[in-house]
Amino acid sequence: MLNILAILLEFVKGPYVPGIAAVAAAIAVIGAAWGIGGIGKSAMEAIARQPEAAGNVRSSMIIAGALVEGATLFAVVVCILAVI
């Protein structure tokens, strides 16, 4: 996704850059929301299948969600820096 933003910013100059950066940030956030939703769905299915492993699954789910959030924050910061 960041490669697409870099390519677009290289070819497009002028007043369109903030709009492109905003769309790229929105795509990053939507992708992260979808990913975290999938992580939660898979974790709930795993807990439903093996309730005794709920603690391990829950902690793994939180770690994976935090990694996705970190990548999303990085993408949004790069989009903001592209405008500045």
PDB file of N, CA and C in Angstrom:
ATOM      1  N   MET A   1       0.819  -1.183   0.000  1.00  0.00           N
ATOM      2  CA  MET A   1       0.000   0.000   0.000  1.00  0.00           C
ATOM      3  C   MET A   1       0.867   1.252   0.000  1.00  0.00           C
ATOM      4  N   LEU A   2       1.930   1.221   0.754  1.00  0.00           N
ATOM      5  CA  LEU A   2       2.809   2.383   0.791  1.00  0.00           C
ATOM      6  C   LEU A   2       3.527   2.566  -0.538  1.00  0.00           C
ATOM      7  N   ASN A   3       3.786   1.460  -1.244  1.00  0.00           N
ATOM      8  CA  ASN A   3       4.403   1.572  -2.565  1.00  0.00           C
ATOM      9  C   ASN A   3       3.468   2.281  -3.533  1.00  0.00           C
ATOM     10  N   ILE A   4       2.194   1.983  -3.449  1.00  0.00           N
ATOM     11  CA  ILE A   4       1.212   2.636  -4.318  1.00  0.00           C
ATOM     12  C   ILE A   4       1.179   4.127  -4.031  1.00  0.00           C
ATOM     13  N   LEU A   5       1.211   4.494  -2.749  1.00  0.00           N
ATOM     14  CA  LEU A   5       1.216   5.913  -2.383  1.00  0.00           C
ATOM     15  C   LEU A   5       2.462   6.609  -2.919  1.00  0.00           C
ATOM     16  N   ALA A   6       3.613   5.948  -2.806  1.00  0.00           N
ATOM     17  CA  ALA A   6       4.850   6.565  -3.302  1.00  0.00           C
ATOM     18  C   ALA A   6       4.805   6.758  -4.808  1.00  0.00           C
ATOM     19  N   ILE A   7       4.271   5.799  -5.530  1.00  0.00           N
ATOM     20  CA  ILE A   7       4.167   5.913  -6.985  1.00  0.00           C
ATOM     21  C   ILE A   7       3.206   7.038  -7.363  1.00  0.00           C
ATOM     22  N   LEU A   8       2.070   7.104  -6.681  1.00  0.00           N
ATOM     23  CA  LEU A   8       1.103   8.163  -6.984  1.00  0.00           C
ATOM     24  C   LEU A   8       1.667   9.539  -6.672  1.00  0.00           C
ATOM     25  N   LEU A   9       2.377   9.667  -5.565  1.00  0.00           N
ATOM     26  CA  LEU A   9       2.939  10.959  -5.199  1.00  0.00           C
ATOM     27  C   LEU A   9       4.053  11.376  -6.156  1.00  0.00           C
ATOM     28  N   GLU A  10       4.702  10.400  -6.770  1.00  0.00           N
ATOM     29  CA  GLU A  10       5.760  10.722  -7.717  1.00  0.00           C
ATOM     30  C   GLU A  10       5.190  11.291  -9.009  1.00  0.00           C
ATOM     31  N   PHE A  11       4.035  10.785  -9.427  1.00  0.00           N
ATOM     32  CA  PHE A  11       3.448  11.221 -10.682  1.00  0.00           C
ATOM     33  C   PHE A  11       2.490  12.392 -10.522  1.00  0.00           C
ATOM     34  N   VAL A  12       1.874  12.493  -9.372  1.00  0.00           N
ATOM     35  CA  VAL A  12       0.874  13.529  -9.162  1.00  0.00           C
ATOM     36  C   VAL A  12       1.466  14.610  -8.264  1.00  0.00           C
ATOM     37  N   LYS A  13       1.467  15.813  -8.742  1.00  0.00           N
ATOM     38  CA  LYS A  13       1.953  16.940  -7.951  1.00  0.00           C
ATOM     39  C   LYS A  13       0.821  17.955  -7.826  1.00  0.00           C
ATOM     40  N   GLY A  14       0.924  18.782  -6.833  1.00  0.00           N
ATOM     41  CA  GLY A  14      -0.028  19.872  -6.716  1.00  0.00           C
ATOM     42  C   GLY A  14      -1.118  19.617  -5.703  1.00  0.00           C
ATOM     43  N   PRO A  15      -2.325  20.079  -5.993  1.00  0.00           N
ATOM     44  CA  PRO A  15      -3.390  20.065  -4.992  1.00  0.00           C
ATOM     45  C   PRO A  15      -3.983  18.679  -4.724  1.00  0.00           C
ATOM     46  N   TYR A  16      -3.618  17.671  -5.502  1.00  0.00           N
ATOM     47  CA  TYR A  16      -4.212  16.352  -5.316  1.00  0.00           C
ATOM     48  C   TYR A  16      -3.503  15.509  -4.265  1.00  0.00           C
ATOM     49  N   VAL A  17      -2.322  15.901  -3.865  1.00  0.00           N
ATOM     50  CA  VAL A  17      -1.526  15.092  -2.941  1.00  0.00           C
ATOM     51  C   VAL A  17      -2.234  14.884  -1.594  1.00  0.00           C
ATOM     52  N   PRO A  18      -2.806  15.908  -0.950  1.00  0.00           N
ATOM     53  CA  PRO A  18      -3.506  15.644   0.329  1.00  0.00           C
ATOM     54  C   PRO A  18      -4.674  14.684   0.178  1.00  0.00           C
ATOM     55  N   GLY A  19      -5.386  14.781  -0.932  1.00  0.00           N
ATOM     56  CA  GLY A  19      -6.504  13.863  -1.150  1.00  0.00           C
ATOM     57  C   GLY A  19      -6.042  12.432  -1.314  1.00  0.00           C
ATOM     58  N   ILE A  20      -4.964  12.244  -2.055  1.00  0.00           N
ATOM     59  CA  ILE A  20      -4.422  10.897  -2.248  1.00  0.00           C
ATOM     60  C   ILE A  20      -3.926  10.332  -0.917  1.00  0.00           C
ATOM     61  N   ALA A  21      -3.263  11.157  -0.131  1.00  0.00           N
ATOM     62  CA  ALA A  21      -2.778  10.705   1.171  1.00  0.00           C
ATOM     63  C   ALA A  21      -3.942  10.348   2.094  1.00  0.00           C
ATOM     64  N   ALA A  22      -5.015  11.115   2.039  1.00  0.00           N
ATOM     65  CA  ALA A  22      -6.182  10.817   2.878  1.00  0.00           C
ATOM     66  C   ALA A  22      -6.830   9.499   2.471  1.00  0.00           C
ATOM     67  N   VAL A  23      -6.938   9.261   1.165  1.00  0.00           N
ATOM     68  CA  VAL A  23      -7.509   8.004   0.691  1.00  0.00           C
ATOM     69  C   VAL A  23      -6.624   6.833   1.080  1.00  0.00           C
ATOM     70  N   ALA A  24      -5.317   6.993   0.965  1.00  0.00           N
ATOM     71  CA  ALA A  24      -4.388   5.925   1.351  1.00  0.00           C
ATOM     72  C   ALA A  24      -4.484   5.627   2.849  1.00  0.00           C
ATOM     73  N   ALA A  25      -4.601   6.660   3.671  1.00  0.00           N
ATOM     74  CA  ALA A  25      -4.758   6.448   5.116  1.00  0.00           C
ATOM     75  C   ALA A  25      -6.071   5.733   5.417  1.00  0.00           C
ATOM     76  N   ALA A  26      -7.126   6.107   4.704  1.00  0.00           N
ATOM     77  CA  ALA A  26      -8.422   5.451   4.912  1.00  0.00           C
ATOM     78  C   ALA A  26      -8.358   3.982   4.519  1.00  0.00           C
ATOM     79  N   ILE A  27      -7.672   3.675   3.428  1.00  0.00           N
ATOM     80  CA  ILE A  27      -7.527   2.284   3.011  1.00  0.00           C
ATOM     81  C   ILE A  27      -6.738   1.495   4.049  1.00  0.00           C
ATOM     82  N   ALA A  28      -5.708   2.099   4.612  1.00  0.00           N
ATOM     83  CA  ALA A  28      -4.925   1.428   5.641  1.00  0.00           C
ATOM     84  C   ALA A  28      -5.772   1.123   6.872  1.00  0.00           C
ATOM     85  N   VAL A  29      -6.581   2.079   7.277  1.00  0.00           N
ATOM     86  CA  VAL A  29      -7.421   1.883   8.466  1.00  0.00           C
ATOM     87  C   VAL A  29      -8.504   0.839   8.204  1.00  0.00           C
ATOM     88  N   ILE A  30      -9.102   0.865   7.024  1.00  0.00           N
ATOM     89  CA  ILE A  30     -10.128  -0.126   6.692  1.00  0.00           C
ATOM     90  C   ILE A  30      -9.515  -1.523   6.647  1.00  0.00           C
ATOM     91  N   GLY A  31      -8.323  -1.633   6.056  1.00  0.00           N
ATOM     92  CA  GLY A  31      -7.652  -2.931   6.026  1.00  0.00           C
ATOM     93  C   GLY A  31      -7.324  -3.443   7.416  1.00  0.00           C
ATOM     94  N   ALA A  32      -6.903  -2.554   8.290  1.00  0.00           N
ATOM     95  CA  ALA A  32      -6.595  -2.959   9.663  1.00  0.00           C
ATOM     96  C   ALA A  32      -7.850  -3.406  10.398  1.00  0.00           C
ATOM     97  N   ALA A  33      -8.941  -2.682  10.194  1.00  0.00           N
ATOM     98  CA  ALA A  33     -10.197  -3.072  10.846  1.00  0.00           C
ATOM     99  C   ALA A  33     -10.651  -4.447  10.371  1.00  0.00           C
ATOM    100  N   TRP A  34     -10.501  -4.691   9.089  1.00  0.00           N
ATOM    101  CA  TRP A  34     -10.864  -5.992   8.534  1.00  0.00           C
ATOM    102  C   TRP A  34      -9.955  -7.087   9.102  1.00  0.00           C
ATOM    103  N   GLY A  35      -8.662  -6.799   9.193  1.00  0.00           N
ATOM    104  CA  GLY A  35      -7.720  -7.773   9.735  1.00  0.00           C
ATOM    105  C   GLY A  35      -7.973  -8.086  11.196  1.00  0.00           C
ATOM    106  N   ILE A  36      -8.221  -7.063  11.990  1.00  0.00           N
ATOM    107  CA  ILE A  36      -8.487  -7.291  13.412  1.00  0.00           C
ATOM    108  C   ILE A  36      -9.805  -8.030  13.598  1.00  0.00           C
ATOM    109  N   GLY A  37     -10.781  -7.735  12.748  1.00  0.00           N
ATOM    110  CA  GLY A  37     -12.038  -8.485  12.798  1.00  0.00           C
ATOM    111  C   GLY A  37     -11.818  -9.963  12.499  1.00  0.00           C
ATOM    112  N   GLY A  38     -10.965 -10.246  11.517  1.00  0.00           N
ATOM    113  CA  GLY A  38     -10.647 -11.637  11.200  1.00  0.00           C
ATOM    114  C   GLY A  38      -9.907 -12.333  12.325  1.00  0.00           C
ATOM    115  N   ILE A  39      -9.012 -11.594  12.971  1.00  0.00           N
ATOM    116  CA  ILE A  39      -8.288 -12.161  14.115  1.00  0.00           C
ATOM    117  C   ILE A  39      -9.273 -12.506  15.233  1.00  0.00           C
ATOM    118  N   GLY A  40     -10.182 -11.588  15.522  1.00  0.00           N
ATOM    119  CA  GLY A  40     -11.170 -11.845  16.569  1.00  0.00           C
ATOM    120  C   GLY A  40     -12.085 -13.006  16.231  1.00  0.00           C
ATOM    121  N   LYS A  41     -12.514 -13.078  14.970  1.00  0.00           N
ATOM    122  CA  LYS A  41     -13.383 -14.173  14.533  1.00  0.00           C
ATOM    123  C   LYS A  41     -12.687 -15.519  14.695  1.00  0.00           C
ATOM    124  N   SER A  42     -11.454 -15.587  14.240  1.00  0.00           N
ATOM    125  CA  SER A  42     -10.704 -16.841  14.346  1.00  0.00           C
ATOM    126  C   SER A  42     -10.454 -17.223  15.801  1.00  0.00           C
ATOM    127  N   ALA A  43     -10.181 -16.232  16.635  1.00  0.00           N
ATOM    128  CA  ALA A  43      -9.942 -16.517  18.046  1.00  0.00           C
ATOM    129  C   ALA A  43     -11.204 -17.037  18.726  1.00  0.00           C
ATOM    130  N   MET A  44     -12.339 -16.445  18.413  1.00  0.00           N
ATOM    131  CA  MET A  44     -13.588 -16.915  19.027  1.00  0.00           C
ATOM    132  C   MET A  44     -13.939 -18.326  18.561  1.00  0.00           C
ATOM    133  N   GLU A  45     -13.661 -18.625  17.288  1.00  0.00           N
ATOM    134  CA  GLU A  45     -13.899 -19.987  16.803  1.00  0.00           C
ATOM    135  C   GLU A  45     -12.967 -20.975  17.490  1.00  0.00           C
ATOM    136  N   ALA A  46     -11.714 -20.587  17.692  1.00  0.00           N
ATOM    137  CA  ALA A  46     -10.761 -21.468  18.365  1.00  0.00           C
ATOM    138  C   ALA A  46     -11.158 -21.698  19.816  1.00  0.00           C
ATOM    139  N   ILE A  47     -11.625 -20.660  20.483  1.00  0.00           N
ATOM    140  CA  ILE A  47     -12.056 -20.808  21.875  1.00  0.00           C
ATOM    141  C   ILE A  47     -13.309 -21.674  21.955  1.00  0.00           C
ATOM    142  N   ALA A  48     -14.196 -21.546  20.961  1.00  0.00           N
ATOM    143  CA  ALA A  48     -15.402 -22.369  20.962  1.00  0.00           C
ATOM    144  C   ALA A  48     -15.061 -23.843  20.774  1.00  0.00           C
ATOM    145  N   ARG A  49     -14.006 -24.120  19.990  1.00  0.00           N
ATOM    146  CA  ARG A  49     -13.621 -25.515  19.754  1.00  0.00           C
ATOM    147  C   ARG A  49     -12.856 -26.107  20.941  1.00  0.00           C
ATOM    148  N   GLN A  50     -12.015 -25.290  21.569  1.00  0.00           N
ATOM    149  CA  GLN A  50     -11.222 -25.762  22.708  1.00  0.00           C
ATOM    150  C   GLN A  50     -11.266 -24.731  23.824  1.00  0.00           C
ATOM    151  N   PRO A  51     -12.279 -24.786  24.667  1.00  0.00           N
ATOM    152  CA  PRO A  51     -12.402 -23.790  25.743  1.00  0.00           C
ATOM    153  C   PRO A  51     -11.239 -23.784  26.724  1.00  0.00           C
ATOM    154  N   GLU A  52     -10.550 -24.905  26.884  1.00  0.00           N
ATOM    155  CA  GLU A  52      -9.442 -24.951  27.841  1.00  0.00           C
ATOM    156  C   GLU A  52      -8.227 -24.166  27.354  1.00  0.00           C
ATOM    157  N   ALA A  53      -8.174 -23.844  26.062  1.00  0.00           N
ATOM    158  CA  ALA A  53      -7.049 -23.069  25.519  1.00  0.00           C
ATOM    159  C   ALA A  53      -7.383 -21.589  25.391  1.00  0.00           C
ATOM    160  N   ALA A  54      -8.409 -21.140  26.071  1.00  0.00           N
ATOM    161  CA  ALA A  54      -8.883 -19.760  25.916  1.00  0.00           C
ATOM    162  C   ALA A  54      -7.819 -18.738  26.316  1.00  0.00           C
ATOM    163  N   GLY A  55      -7.083 -18.991  27.355  1.00  0.00           N
ATOM    164  CA  GLY A  55      -6.066 -18.034  27.803  1.00  0.00           C
ATOM    165  C   GLY A  55      -4.960 -17.840  26.782  1.00  0.00           C
ATOM    166  N   ASN A  56      -4.477 -18.946  26.228  1.00  0.00           N
ATOM    167  CA  ASN A  56      -3.420 -18.854  25.220  1.00  0.00           C
ATOM    168  C   ASN A  56      -3.919 -18.185  23.948  1.00  0.00           C
ATOM    169  N   VAL A  57      -5.121 -18.542  23.530  1.00  0.00           N
ATOM    170  CA  VAL A  57      -5.683 -17.956  22.310  1.00  0.00           C
ATOM    171  C   VAL A  57      -5.910 -16.460  22.512  1.00  0.00           C
ATOM    172  N   ARG A  58      -6.416 -16.079  23.667  1.00  0.00           N
ATOM    173  CA  ARG A  58      -6.702 -14.674  23.935  1.00  0.00           C
ATOM    174  C   ARG A  58      -5.424 -13.833  23.924  1.00  0.00           C
ATOM    175  N   SER A  59      -4.378 -14.335  24.545  1.00  0.00           N
ATOM    176  CA  SER A  59      -3.138 -13.563  24.567  1.00  0.00           C
ATOM    177  C   SER A  59      -2.517 -13.483  23.179  1.00  0.00           C
ATOM    178  N   SER A  60      -2.591 -14.548  22.408  1.00  0.00           N
ATOM    179  CA  SER A  60      -2.096 -14.501  21.027  1.00  0.00           C
ATOM    180  C   SER A  60      -2.904 -13.528  20.183  1.00  0.00           C
ATOM    181  N   MET A  61      -4.214 -13.488  20.409  1.00  0.00           N
ATOM    182  CA  MET A  61      -5.080 -12.568  19.677  1.00  0.00           C
ATOM    183  C   MET A  61      -4.717 -11.118  20.005  1.00  0.00           C
ATOM    184  N   ILE A  62      -4.447 -10.823  21.251  1.00  0.00           N
ATOM    185  CA  ILE A  62      -4.100  -9.455  21.639  1.00  0.00           C
ATOM    186  C   ILE A  62      -2.767  -9.040  21.027  1.00  0.00           C
ATOM    187  N   ILE A  63      -1.801  -9.944  21.010  1.00  0.00           N
ATOM    188  CA  ILE A  63      -0.501  -9.628  20.415  1.00  0.00           C
ATOM    189  C   ILE A  63      -0.645  -9.388  18.912  1.00  0.00           C
ATOM    190  N   ALA A  64      -1.386 -10.248  18.229  1.00  0.00           N
ATOM    191  CA  ALA A  64      -1.578 -10.077  16.783  1.00  0.00           C
ATOM    192  C   ALA A  64      -2.328  -8.777  16.481  1.00  0.00           C
ATOM    193  N   GLY A  65      -3.334  -8.463  17.280  1.00  0.00           N
ATOM    194  CA  GLY A  65      -4.060  -7.209  17.085  1.00  0.00           C
ATOM    195  C   GLY A  65      -3.176  -5.992  17.303  1.00  0.00           C
ATOM    196  N   ALA A  66      -2.292  -6.065  18.284  1.00  0.00           N
ATOM    197  CA  ALA A  66      -1.376  -4.952  18.535  1.00  0.00           C
ATOM    198  C   ALA A  66      -0.400  -4.769  17.375  1.00  0.00           C
ATOM    199  N   LEU A  67       0.063  -5.859  16.781  1.00  0.00           N
ATOM    200  CA  LEU A  67       0.955  -5.757  15.629  1.00  0.00           C
ATOM    201  C   LEU A  67       0.249  -5.118  14.433  1.00  0.00           C
ATOM    202  N   VAL A  68      -0.996  -5.486  14.217  1.00  0.00           N
ATOM    203  CA  VAL A  68      -1.761  -4.883  13.122  1.00  0.00           C
ATOM    204  C   VAL A  68      -1.975  -3.395  13.386  1.00  0.00           C
ATOM    205  N   GLU A  69      -2.304  -3.046  14.612  1.00  0.00           N
ATOM    206  CA  GLU A  69      -2.491  -1.633  14.955  1.00  0.00           C
ATOM    207  C   GLU A  69      -1.213  -0.836  14.755  1.00  0.00           C
ATOM    208  N   GLY A  70      -0.074  -1.419  15.109  1.00  0.00           N
ATOM    209  CA  GLY A  70       1.207  -0.728  14.918  1.00  0.00           C
ATOM    210  C   GLY A  70       1.506  -0.473  13.461  1.00  0.00           C
ATOM    211  N   ALA A  71       1.259  -1.462  12.620  1.00  0.00           N
ATOM    212  CA  ALA A  71       1.483  -1.282  11.183  1.00  0.00           C
ATOM    213  C   ALA A  71       0.545  -0.240  10.609  1.00  0.00           C
ATOM    214  N   THR A  72      -0.683  -0.216  11.086  1.00  0.00           N
ATOM    215  CA  THR A  72      -1.653   0.773  10.608  1.00  0.00           C
ATOM    216  C   THR A  72      -1.246   2.175  11.039  1.00  0.00           C
ATOM    217  N   LEU A  73      -0.810   2.320  12.264  1.00  0.00           N
ATOM    218  CA  LEU A  73      -0.363   3.627  12.732  1.00  0.00           C
ATOM    219  C   LEU A  73       0.815   4.120  11.903  1.00  0.00           C
ATOM    220  N   PHE A  74       1.738   3.222  11.587  1.00  0.00           N
ATOM    221  CA  PHE A  74       2.879   3.578  10.753  1.00  0.00           C
ATOM    222  C   PHE A  74       2.406   4.041   9.377  1.00  0.00           C
ATOM    223  N   ALA A  75       1.464   3.346   8.779  1.00  0.00           N
ATOM    224  CA  ALA A  75       0.950   3.726   7.453  1.00  0.00           C
ATOM    225  C   ALA A  75       0.276   5.094   7.492  1.00  0.00           C
ATOM    226  N   VAL A  76      -0.496   5.356   8.528  1.00  0.00           N
ATOM    227  CA  VAL A  76      -1.167   6.645   8.636  1.00  0.00           C
ATOM    228  C   VAL A  76      -0.152   7.773   8.830  1.00  0.00           C
ATOM    229  N   VAL A  77       0.880   7.544   9.625  1.00  0.00           N
ATOM    230  CA  VAL A  77       1.913   8.551   9.835  1.00  0.00           C
ATOM    231  C   VAL A  77       2.654   8.839   8.525  1.00  0.00           C
ATOM    232  N   VAL A  78       2.936   7.809   7.754  1.00  0.00           N
ATOM    233  CA  VAL A  78       3.594   8.017   6.459  1.00  0.00           C
ATOM    234  C   VAL A  78       2.686   8.838   5.534  1.00  0.00           C
ATOM    235  N   CYS A  79       1.406   8.578   5.550  1.00  0.00           N
ATOM    236  CA  CYS A  79       0.478   9.358   4.726  1.00  0.00           C
ATOM    237  C   CYS A  79       0.436  10.818   5.170  1.00  0.00           C
ATOM    238  N   ILE A  80       0.464  11.050   6.462  1.00  0.00           N
ATOM    239  CA  ILE A  80       0.472  12.428   6.959  1.00  0.00           C
ATOM    240  C   ILE A  80       1.771  13.118   6.576  1.00  0.00           C
ATOM    241  N   LEU A  81       2.891  12.422   6.681  1.00  0.00           N
ATOM    242  CA  LEU A  81       4.168  13.007   6.314  1.00  0.00           C
ATOM    243  C   LEU A  81       4.271  13.278   4.809  1.00  0.00           C
ATOM    244  N   ALA A  82       3.547  12.534   4.007  1.00  0.00           N
ATOM    245  CA  ALA A  82       3.555  12.762   2.573  1.00  0.00           C
ATOM    246  C   ALA A  82       2.910  14.095   2.231  1.00  0.00           C
ATOM    247  N   VAL A  83       1.984  14.534   3.048  1.00  0.00           N
ATOM    248  CA  VAL A  83       1.294  15.811   2.799  1.00  0.00           C
ATOM    249  C   VAL A  83       2.169  16.970   3.225  1.00  0.00           C
ATOM    250  N   ILE A  84       2.916  16.794   4.299  1.00  0.00           N
ATOM    251  CA  ILE A  84       3.716  17.899   4.846  1.00  0.00           C
ATOM    252  C   ILE A  84       4.892  18.208   3.991  1.00  0.00           C
TER     253      ILE A  84
END
